[in-house]
Amino acid sequence: MRSGGRGVLALLFGLFLVASARAQEIEDPQFGLGLGYSSRFETAVYTAEFVMPVYHHVDVDGSLQFLDLGSRRRYVGNIDVQVRFPTHRIHVRTFGWVGLGFGLITDDPKGPSEATTRDGQLNVLAGLGYDAPASPYVQLRITRKHEVILGIGVRF
C-alpha cells in the first residue's frame, strides 16, 4: 500500500475514533504541547500530542517527540493507550493516568555522511493532570532503551 493509501486509512480511523467518542458522549479530544528531559541523552525533549478519548476513562495518545542530539536529530512517534483515574485526595479536579505503548524512533544524522536509522521502543508511562480548559500535566515515560523522560505540558 502506498503512503497516500496509508494516510487515507489513518484519516478514516481517526474519524471513526471521533465518532465513537461522540456516540458514547465522552470528552472532546485534546491537543497538547510539552517539554521534558531525557535521562539517556541528557537533553531537552519537545513533544506535541493528540489525546483521543475512546471509552470511559480510556484514551489513545498519539505523540511526536523531538530531540536535538548535536550531530543528529531524533524523532519518536508514539501511540499509547492510557487509563485515567481520579485522584480526589490531591484535589477534586486532578486526575492520574497509567499507560502502555509503542514508539517508532527515527535517527536522522545532520548532513549526508550517515544513513537514517529506524527502531522501535516500548513505553510505560504515568502522569498527573489538572482538569481545566488548559490542563497542565506532569508525566513520566520509561522506555525499553533504558531511558526515563520526565515532562511537563499543557493540553487544550
Protein backbone atom coordinates (compact mmCIF):
# COMPACT_ATOMS: atom_id res chain seq x y z
CA MET A 1 0.00 0.00 0.00
CA ARG A 2 1.41 3.40 -0.94
CA SER A 3 1.82 6.21 1.59
CA GLY A 4 -1.24 8.02 0.19
CA GLY A 5 -3.39 4.96 0.91
CA ARG A 6 -1.98 4.71 4.43
CA GLY A 7 -2.76 8.38 5.01
CA VAL A 8 -6.39 7.88 3.94
CA LEU A 9 -6.70 4.85 6.24
CA ALA A 10 -5.22 6.82 9.15
CA LEU A 11 -7.68 9.67 8.48
CA LEU A 12 -10.65 7.29 8.33
CA PHE A 13 -9.52 5.59 11.56
CA GLY A 14 -9.23 8.99 13.26
CA LEU A 15 -12.74 9.96 12.12
CA PHE A 16 -14.02 6.62 13.43
CA LEU A 17 -12.46 7.32 16.84
CA VAL A 18 -14.02 10.80 16.97
CA ALA A 19 -17.45 9.41 16.00
CA SER A 20 -17.10 6.61 18.56
CA ALA A 21 -16.29 9.07 21.33
CA ARG A 22 -19.19 11.34 20.35
CA ALA A 23 -21.61 8.40 20.31
CA GLN A 24 -20.56 7.48 23.85
CA GLU A 25 -20.73 11.14 24.97
CA ILE A 26 -17.11 11.08 26.04
CA GLU A 27 -14.92 14.15 26.46
CA ASP A 28 -13.55 16.05 23.48
CA PRO A 29 -10.11 15.22 22.11
CA GLN A 30 -7.21 17.37 23.32
CA PHE A 31 -4.07 18.75 21.68
CA GLY A 32 -1.03 19.17 23.90
CA LEU A 33 2.46 20.64 23.94
CA GLY A 34 5.16 19.53 26.35
CA LEU A 35 8.77 19.89 27.34
CA GLY A 36 10.79 17.18 29.05
CA TYR A 37 14.23 15.92 29.96
CA SER A 38 15.78 12.66 28.71
CA SER A 39 17.97 10.82 31.22
CA ARG A 40 19.63 8.79 28.45
CA PHE A 41 20.66 11.71 26.24
CA GLU A 42 20.72 14.41 28.94
CA THR A 43 18.89 16.86 26.69
CA ALA A 44 15.51 18.50 26.21
CA VAL A 45 12.61 16.60 24.67
CA TYR A 46 9.95 18.62 22.79
CA THR A 47 6.53 16.97 22.46
CA ALA A 48 3.32 17.57 20.51
CA GLU A 49 0.43 15.21 21.23
CA PHE A 50 -3.17 14.45 20.36
CA VAL A 51 -5.23 12.69 23.05
CA MET A 52 -8.36 10.92 21.83
CA PRO A 53 -10.85 9.50 24.37
CA VAL A 54 -12.11 6.14 23.04
CA TYR A 55 -14.03 4.78 26.01
CA HIS A 56 -14.89 5.97 29.51
CA HIS A 57 -11.52 6.71 31.20
CA VAL A 58 -9.53 5.18 28.30
CA ASP A 59 -7.57 7.40 25.89
CA VAL A 60 -5.35 6.86 22.88
CA ASP A 61 -2.46 9.33 22.90
CA GLY A 62 -0.53 9.91 19.69
CA SER A 63 2.59 12.00 20.20
CA LEU A 64 5.65 13.16 18.33
CA GLN A 65 8.83 13.83 20.30
CA PHE A 66 11.89 15.69 19.03
CA LEU A 67 15.43 15.66 20.45
CA ASP A 68 18.39 17.60 19.05
CA LEU A 69 21.44 15.45 19.80
CA GLY A 70 24.13 17.63 18.23
CA SER A 71 25.22 15.54 15.24
CA ARG A 72 21.74 14.07 14.70
CA ARG A 73 18.06 14.67 15.24
CA ARG A 74 15.82 12.09 16.85
CA TYR A 75 12.09 11.89 16.16
CA VAL A 76 9.91 9.47 18.11
CA GLY A 77 6.30 8.83 17.11
CA ASN A 78 4.39 7.20 19.99
CA ILE A 79 0.98 5.57 20.24
CA ASP A 80 -0.02 4.95 23.86
CA VAL A 81 -3.19 3.63 25.49
CA GLN A 82 -3.87 5.39 28.78
CA VAL A 83 -6.31 4.62 31.57
CA ARG A 84 -7.39 7.68 33.59
CA PHE A 85 -8.43 7.61 37.23
CA PRO A 86 -9.49 10.31 39.72
CA THR A 87 -7.06 11.50 42.38
CA HIS A 88 -9.51 13.38 44.60
CA ARG A 89 -7.25 13.09 47.64
CA ILE A 90 -4.86 15.55 46.00
CA HIS A 91 -7.56 17.89 44.66
CA VAL A 92 -11.10 17.45 43.35
CA ARG A 93 -10.04 18.40 39.78
CA THR A 94 -6.87 16.32 39.50
CA PHE A 95 -6.62 13.00 37.71
CA GLY A 96 -3.90 10.48 37.02
CA TRP A 97 -3.17 8.03 34.27
CA VAL A 98 -1.08 4.98 33.53
CA GLY A 99 -0.39 3.65 30.09
CA LEU A 100 1.48 1.36 27.73
CA GLY A 101 2.50 2.00 24.18
CA PHE A 102 4.87 1.69 21.28
CA GLY A 103 7.22 4.24 19.72
CA LEU A 104 8.88 4.37 16.31
CA ILE A 105 12.32 6.01 16.52
CA THR A 106 13.92 7.79 13.57
CA ASP A 107 17.54 8.92 13.99
CA ASP A 108 18.38 11.45 11.29
CA PRO A 109 22.04 12.46 11.04
CA LYS A 110 22.75 16.07 10.17
CA GLY A 111 24.46 16.00 6.78
CA PRO A 112 24.80 13.25 4.17
CA SER A 113 27.56 11.29 5.96
CA GLU A 114 25.35 8.62 7.54
CA ALA A 115 22.08 6.90 6.74
CA THR A 116 18.84 7.49 8.63
CA THR A 117 18.04 4.63 11.02
CA ARG A 118 14.76 3.42 12.49
CA ASP A 119 13.98 1.35 15.58
CA GLY A 120 11.08 0.61 17.91
CA GLN A 121 10.59 1.04 21.62
CA LEU A 122 8.07 0.02 24.25
CA ASN A 123 6.73 2.69 26.59
CA VAL A 124 5.37 2.61 30.13
CA LEU A 125 4.03 5.90 31.41
CA ALA A 126 2.30 7.54 34.34
CA GLY A 127 1.06 11.07 34.76
CA LEU A 128 -0.88 13.55 36.82
CA GLY A 129 -3.03 16.33 35.37
CA TYR A 130 -5.43 19.08 36.37
CA ASP A 131 -8.88 19.27 34.74
CA ALA A 132 -9.20 22.79 33.28
CA PRO A 133 -9.68 24.40 29.84
CA ALA A 134 -5.86 24.46 29.56
CA SER A 135 -4.89 21.33 31.53
CA PRO A 136 -1.35 21.32 32.92
CA TYR A 137 0.24 17.93 33.48
CA VAL A 138 3.41 16.14 34.53
CA GLN A 139 4.31 12.76 33.03
CA LEU A 140 6.98 10.10 33.49
CA ARG A 141 7.80 7.88 30.48
CA ILE A 142 10.09 4.84 30.73
CA THR A 143 11.27 3.06 27.56
CA ARG A 144 12.95 -0.25 26.88
CA LYS A 145 16.01 1.72 25.80
CA HIS A 146 16.74 2.48 29.50
CA GLU A 147 15.51 6.00 29.05
CA VAL A 148 13.41 7.97 31.50
CA ILE A 149 11.70 11.13 30.29
CA LEU A 150 10.21 13.49 32.84
CA GLY A 151 7.96 16.01 31.12
CA ILE A 152 5.54 18.84 31.79
CA GLY A 153 3.00 20.24 29.41
CA VAL A 154 -0.43 21.68 28.71
CA ARG A 155 -3.37 20.08 26.90
CA PHE A 156 -6.09 22.19 25.29
